Amino acid sequence: MKTVLLLLIISIVSIAQNKTLNLRGADIELGMNSKLVWDMINPELNILEDDNDNLYITDIHDNKIGIILVKDGIVVKVIKDWGTTYKSNVGQVFKILWNILKQYGEELNKVKIIPIETFTPNGEQTSLRFQINDYKYIEILIQNTVTIYEVIEEMGS
């Protein structure tokens, strides 16, 4: 009986971690009330809220940290910005990707890599998506620059 209870607790914690992303010390979880998010974010960070209650977070030097998308007062997507490089510095891109992926350990056995090509009036944009689980993915946008995002979202949103 204790074993079953322990396995149940571990699976619940694992599911909660799948829906959580850390933005500068604040563990933001999908489904969280947006008012609670405001209380969790470090007050030294800059937060810009748009008309839809989405939050755009930067540090005191205006470096992008992330975006929290909200629908009906509930967090539906969190985007962590790992930065943009304006040089084609493969080593730097690889190091950032390595640091992100190594935190997922065993989950990486199931990663799907999805190439994405988007055509816009401004030109073609290509990216690679590393689908970690049902809620999390890493996206590398490649155009004239390389930008890396870590994302959690309800896939039906």
C-alpha atoms as a PDB file:
ATOM      1  CA  MET A   1       0.000   0.000   0.000  1.00  0.00           C
ATOM      2  CA  LYS A   2       2.828   2.396   0.861  1.00  0.00           C
ATOM      3  CA  THR A   3       4.491   1.606  -2.466  1.00  0.00           C
ATOM      4  CA  VAL A   4       1.330   2.442  -4.422  1.00  0.00           C
ATOM      5  CA  LEU A   5       0.929   5.702  -2.504  1.00  0.00           C
ATOM      6  CA  LEU A   6       4.576   6.626  -3.132  1.00  0.00           C
ATOM      7  CA  LEU A   7       4.248   5.922  -6.869  1.00  0.00           C
ATOM      8  CA  LEU A   8       1.072   8.029  -7.006  1.00  0.00           C
ATOM      9  CA  ILE A   9       2.802  10.967  -5.292  1.00  0.00           C
ATOM     10  CA  ILE A  10       5.829  10.706  -7.599  1.00  0.00           C
ATOM     11  CA  SER A  11       3.627  10.671 -10.707  1.00  0.00           C
ATOM     12  CA  ILE A  12       1.654  13.720  -9.494  1.00  0.00           C
ATOM     13  CA  VAL A  13       4.894  15.629  -8.813  1.00  0.00           C
ATOM     14  CA  SER A  14       6.224  14.592 -12.233  1.00  0.00           C
ATOM     15  CA  ILE A  15       3.091  15.860 -14.005  1.00  0.00           C
ATOM     16  CA  ALA A  16       3.304  19.171 -12.113  1.00  0.00           C
ATOM     17  CA  GLN A  17       6.962  19.578 -13.143  1.00  0.00           C
ATOM     18  CA  ASN A  18       6.004  18.970 -16.772  1.00  0.00           C
ATOM     19  CA  LYS A  19       3.720  22.011 -16.579  1.00  0.00           C
ATOM     20  CA  THR A  20       6.174  24.322 -14.773  1.00  0.00           C
ATOM     21  CA  LEU A  21       8.878  26.613 -16.116  1.00  0.00           C
ATOM     22  CA  ASN A  22      11.262  28.689 -14.009  1.00  0.00           C
ATOM     23  CA  LEU A  23      11.649  32.362 -14.931  1.00  0.00           C
ATOM     24  CA  ARG A  24      14.389  33.924 -12.770  1.00  0.00           C
ATOM     25  CA  GLY A  25      13.420  32.063  -9.614  1.00  0.00           C
ATOM     26  CA  ALA A  26       9.640  32.034 -10.151  1.00  0.00           C
ATOM     27  CA  ASP A  27       8.163  28.608 -10.974  1.00  0.00           C
ATOM     28  CA  ILE A  28       5.316  29.504 -13.329  1.00  0.00           C
ATOM     29  CA  GLU A  29       2.811  26.693 -13.862  1.00  0.00           C
ATOM     30  CA  LEU A  30       0.236  26.254 -16.593  1.00  0.00           C
ATOM     31  CA  GLY A  31      -3.254  26.856 -15.210  1.00  0.00           C
ATOM     32  CA  MET A  32      -1.966  29.255 -12.549  1.00  0.00           C
ATOM     33  CA  ASN A  33      -3.990  32.395 -11.823  1.00  0.00           C
ATOM     34  CA  SER A  34      -2.309  35.458 -13.378  1.00  0.00           C
ATOM     35  CA  LYS A  35      -2.688  37.433 -10.133  1.00  0.00           C
ATOM     36  CA  LEU A  36      -0.588  34.803  -8.347  1.00  0.00           C
ATOM     37  CA  VAL A  37       2.071  35.135 -11.063  1.00  0.00           C
ATOM     38  CA  TRP A  38       2.426  38.856 -10.323  1.00  0.00           C
ATOM     39  CA  ASP A  39       3.193  38.012  -6.667  1.00  0.00           C
ATOM     40  CA  MET A  40       5.831  35.428  -7.649  1.00  0.00           C
ATOM     41  CA  ILE A  41       7.896  37.530 -10.053  1.00  0.00           C
ATOM     42  CA  ASN A  42      10.896  39.343  -8.621  1.00  0.00           C
ATOM     43  CA  PRO A  43       9.925  43.023  -8.115  1.00  0.00           C
ATOM     44  CA  GLU A  44      13.313  44.115  -9.534  1.00  0.00           C
ATOM     45  CA  LEU A  45      12.272  42.836 -12.966  1.00  0.00           C
ATOM     46  CA  ASN A  46      10.379  44.959 -15.497  1.00  0.00           C
ATOM     47  CA  ILE A  47       6.910  43.680 -16.365  1.00  0.00           C
ATOM     48  CA  LEU A  48       4.832  45.042 -19.204  1.00  0.00           C
ATOM     49  CA  GLU A  49       1.195  43.934 -19.359  1.00  0.00           C
ATOM     50  CA  ASP A  50      -0.765  44.214 -22.614  1.00  0.00           C
ATOM     51  CA  ASP A  51      -4.543  44.572 -23.110  1.00  0.00           C
ATOM     52  CA  ASN A  52      -4.972  40.766 -22.980  1.00  0.00           C
ATOM     53  CA  ASP A  53      -3.188  40.515 -19.588  1.00  0.00           C
ATOM     54  CA  ASN A  54      -0.123  38.865 -21.194  1.00  0.00           C
ATOM     55  CA  LEU A  55       3.102  39.644 -19.343  1.00  0.00           C
ATOM     56  CA  TYR A  56       6.398  40.590 -21.020  1.00  0.00           C
ATOM     57  CA  ILE A  57       9.298  40.330 -18.591  1.00  0.00           C
ATOM     58  CA  THR A  58      12.756  41.918 -18.906  1.00  0.00           C
ATOM     59  CA  ASP A  59      15.581  42.605 -16.505  1.00  0.00           C
ATOM     60  CA  ILE A  60      16.746  46.066 -15.440  1.00  0.00           C
ATOM     61  CA  HIS A  61      18.941  46.269 -18.566  1.00  0.00           C
ATOM     62  CA  ASP A  62      15.961  45.433 -20.852  1.00  0.00           C
ATOM     63  CA  ASN A  63      17.272  41.927 -21.630  1.00  0.00           C
ATOM     64  CA  LYS A  64      14.348  39.657 -22.438  1.00  0.00           C
ATOM     65  CA  ILE A  65      13.536  37.025 -19.825  1.00  0.00           C
ATOM     66  CA  GLY A  66      10.199  35.663 -20.958  1.00  0.00           C
ATOM     67  CA  ILE A  67       6.578  36.032 -21.894  1.00  0.00           C
ATOM     68  CA  ILE A  68       3.575  34.699 -19.990  1.00  0.00           C
ATOM     69  CA  LEU A  69       0.445  34.342 -22.107  1.00  0.00           C
ATOM     70  CA  VAL A  70      -2.864  34.479 -20.272  1.00  0.00           C
ATOM     71  CA  LYS A  71      -6.384  33.519 -21.296  1.00  0.00           C
ATOM     72  CA  ASP A  72      -9.328  34.311 -19.015  1.00  0.00           C
ATOM     73  CA  GLY A  73      -6.955  35.085 -16.130  1.00  0.00           C
ATOM     74  CA  ILE A  74      -5.171  31.718 -16.383  1.00  0.00           C
ATOM     75  CA  VAL A  75      -1.620  31.038 -17.629  1.00  0.00           C
ATOM     76  CA  VAL A  76      -1.781  29.061 -20.902  1.00  0.00           C
ATOM     77  CA  LYS A  77       1.772  29.481 -22.218  1.00  0.00           C
ATOM     78  CA  VAL A  78       5.159  30.475 -20.820  1.00  0.00           C
ATOM     79  CA  ILE A  79       8.095  31.345 -23.074  1.00  0.00           C
ATOM     80  CA  LYS A  80      11.563  31.549 -21.542  1.00  0.00           C
ATOM     81  CA  ASP A  81      13.962  33.525 -23.738  1.00  0.00           C
ATOM     82  CA  TRP A  82      17.451  32.017 -23.630  1.00  0.00           C
ATOM     83  CA  GLY A  83      18.784  34.784 -25.829  1.00  0.00           C
ATOM     84  CA  THR A  84      19.621  35.765 -29.355  1.00  0.00           C
ATOM     85  CA  THR A  85      23.020  35.696 -30.966  1.00  0.00           C
ATOM     86  CA  TYR A  86      23.725  37.991 -33.884  1.00  0.00           C
ATOM     87  CA  LYS A  87      26.791  36.015 -34.920  1.00  0.00           C
ATOM     88  CA  SER A  88      26.739  32.527 -36.319  1.00  0.00           C
ATOM     89  CA  ASN A  89      28.630  31.298 -33.267  1.00  0.00           C
ATOM     90  CA  VAL A  90      27.831  27.602 -33.371  1.00  0.00           C
ATOM     91  CA  GLY A  91      29.701  26.943 -30.129  1.00  0.00           C
ATOM     92  CA  GLN A  92      27.597  29.451 -28.184  1.00  0.00           C
ATOM     93  CA  VAL A  93      24.332  28.085 -29.612  1.00  0.00           C
ATOM     94  CA  PHE A  94      25.392  24.514 -28.819  1.00  0.00           C
ATOM     95  CA  LYS A  95      26.370  25.447 -25.235  1.00  0.00           C
ATOM     96  CA  ILE A  96      22.997  27.094 -24.562  1.00  0.00           C
ATOM     97  CA  LEU A  97      21.141  24.127 -26.056  1.00  0.00           C
ATOM     98  CA  TRP A  98      23.286  21.709 -24.021  1.00  0.00           C
ATOM     99  CA  ASN A  99      22.509  23.575 -20.774  1.00  0.00           C
ATOM    100  CA  ILE A 100      18.783  23.472 -21.483  1.00  0.00           C
ATOM    101  CA  LEU A 101      18.590  19.836 -22.555  1.00  0.00           C
ATOM    102  CA  LYS A 102      20.798  18.360 -19.821  1.00  0.00           C
ATOM    103  CA  GLN A 103      18.232  19.387 -17.166  1.00  0.00           C
ATOM    104  CA  TYR A 104      15.683  16.972 -18.662  1.00  0.00           C
ATOM    105  CA  GLY A 105      17.731  13.782 -18.161  1.00  0.00           C
ATOM    106  CA  GLU A 106      15.653  10.655 -18.850  1.00  0.00           C
ATOM    107  CA  GLU A 107      12.921  12.636 -20.622  1.00  0.00           C
ATOM    108  CA  LEU A 108      15.312  13.167 -23.532  1.00  0.00           C
ATOM    109  CA  ASN A 109      14.901   9.531 -24.584  1.00  0.00           C
ATOM    110  CA  LYS A 110      11.495  10.503 -26.006  1.00  0.00           C
ATOM    111  CA  VAL A 111      12.415  13.848 -27.634  1.00  0.00           C
ATOM    112  CA  LYS A 112      10.994  14.489 -31.090  1.00  0.00           C
ATOM    113  CA  ILE A 113      12.819  16.913 -33.360  1.00  0.00           C
ATOM    114  CA  ILE A 114      10.454  18.806 -35.654  1.00  0.00           C
ATOM    115  CA  PRO A 115      11.749  21.110 -38.412  1.00  0.00           C
ATOM    116  CA  ILE A 116       9.429  24.097 -38.962  1.00  0.00           C
ATOM    117  CA  GLU A 117       9.452  26.407 -41.963  1.00  0.00           C
ATOM    118  CA  THR A 118       7.319  29.560 -41.966  1.00  0.00           C
ATOM    119  CA  PHE A 119       6.838  31.984 -44.838  1.00  0.00           C
ATOM    120  CA  THR A 120       5.937  35.560 -43.940  1.00  0.00           C
ATOM    121  CA  PRO A 121       5.823  38.799 -45.955  1.00  0.00           C
ATOM    122  CA  ASN A 122       9.246  39.555 -44.445  1.00  0.00           C
ATOM    123  CA  GLY A 123      10.727  36.308 -45.729  1.00  0.00           C
ATOM    124  CA  GLU A 124      11.322  32.735 -44.732  1.00  0.00           C
ATOM    125  CA  GLN A 125      11.900  31.700 -41.124  1.00  0.00           C
ATOM    126  CA  THR A 126      13.127  28.272 -40.130  1.00  0.00           C
ATOM    127  CA  SER A 127      13.252  26.683 -36.723  1.00  0.00           C
ATOM    128  CA  LEU A 128      13.842  23.395 -34.980  1.00  0.00           C
ATOM    129  CA  ARG A 129      11.514  22.247 -32.225  1.00  0.00           C
ATOM    130  CA  PHE A 130      12.710  19.727 -29.652  1.00  0.00           C
ATOM    131  CA  GLN A 131       9.467  18.327 -28.181  1.00  0.00           C
ATOM    132  CA  ILE A 132      10.395  17.232 -24.630  1.00  0.00           C
ATOM    133  CA  ASN A 133       6.956  16.039 -23.493  1.00  0.00           C
ATOM    134  CA  ASP A 134       3.264  16.864 -23.978  1.00  0.00           C
ATOM    135  CA  TYR A 135       3.723  20.381 -22.572  1.00  0.00           C
ATOM    136  CA  LYS A 136       7.379  21.417 -23.030  1.00  0.00           C
ATOM    137  CA  TYR A 137       9.517  22.111 -26.036  1.00  0.00           C
ATOM    138  CA  ILE A 138      12.674  23.966 -26.983  1.00  0.00           C
ATOM    139  CA  GLU A 139      12.526  26.032 -30.149  1.00  0.00           C
ATOM    140  CA  ILE A 140      15.535  27.368 -32.022  1.00  0.00           C
ATOM    141  CA  LEU A 141      14.584  30.095 -34.503  1.00  0.00           C
ATOM    142  CA  ILE A 142      17.068  30.549 -37.300  1.00  0.00           C
ATOM    143  CA  GLN A 143      17.012  33.501 -39.679  1.00  0.00           C
ATOM    144  CA  ASN A 144      19.709  36.190 -39.695  1.00  0.00           C
ATOM    145  CA  THR A 145      20.042  35.528 -35.978  1.00  0.00           C
ATOM    146  CA  VAL A 146      19.645  32.491 -33.757  1.00  0.00           C
ATOM    147  CA  THR A 147      17.111  32.703 -30.905  1.00  0.00           C
ATOM    148  CA  ILE A 148      16.418  29.931 -28.405  1.00  0.00           C
ATOM    149  CA  TYR A 149      13.171  29.601 -26.455  1.00  0.00           C
ATOM    150  CA  GLU A 150      12.059  27.088 -23.830  1.00  0.00           C
ATOM    151  CA  VAL A 151       8.266  26.831 -23.851  1.00  0.00           C
ATOM    152  CA  ILE A 152       5.457  25.212 -21.897  1.00  0.00           C
ATOM    153  CA  GLU A 153       1.909  25.403 -23.167  1.00  0.00           C
ATOM    154  CA  GLU A 154      -1.420  23.679 -23.211  1.00  0.00           C
ATOM    155  CA  MET A 155      -1.210  22.259 -26.727  1.00  0.00           C
ATOM    156  CA  GLY A 156      -4.883  23.023 -27.435  1.00  0.00           C
ATOM    157  CA  SER A 157      -4.544  26.773 -26.712  1.00  0.00           C
END
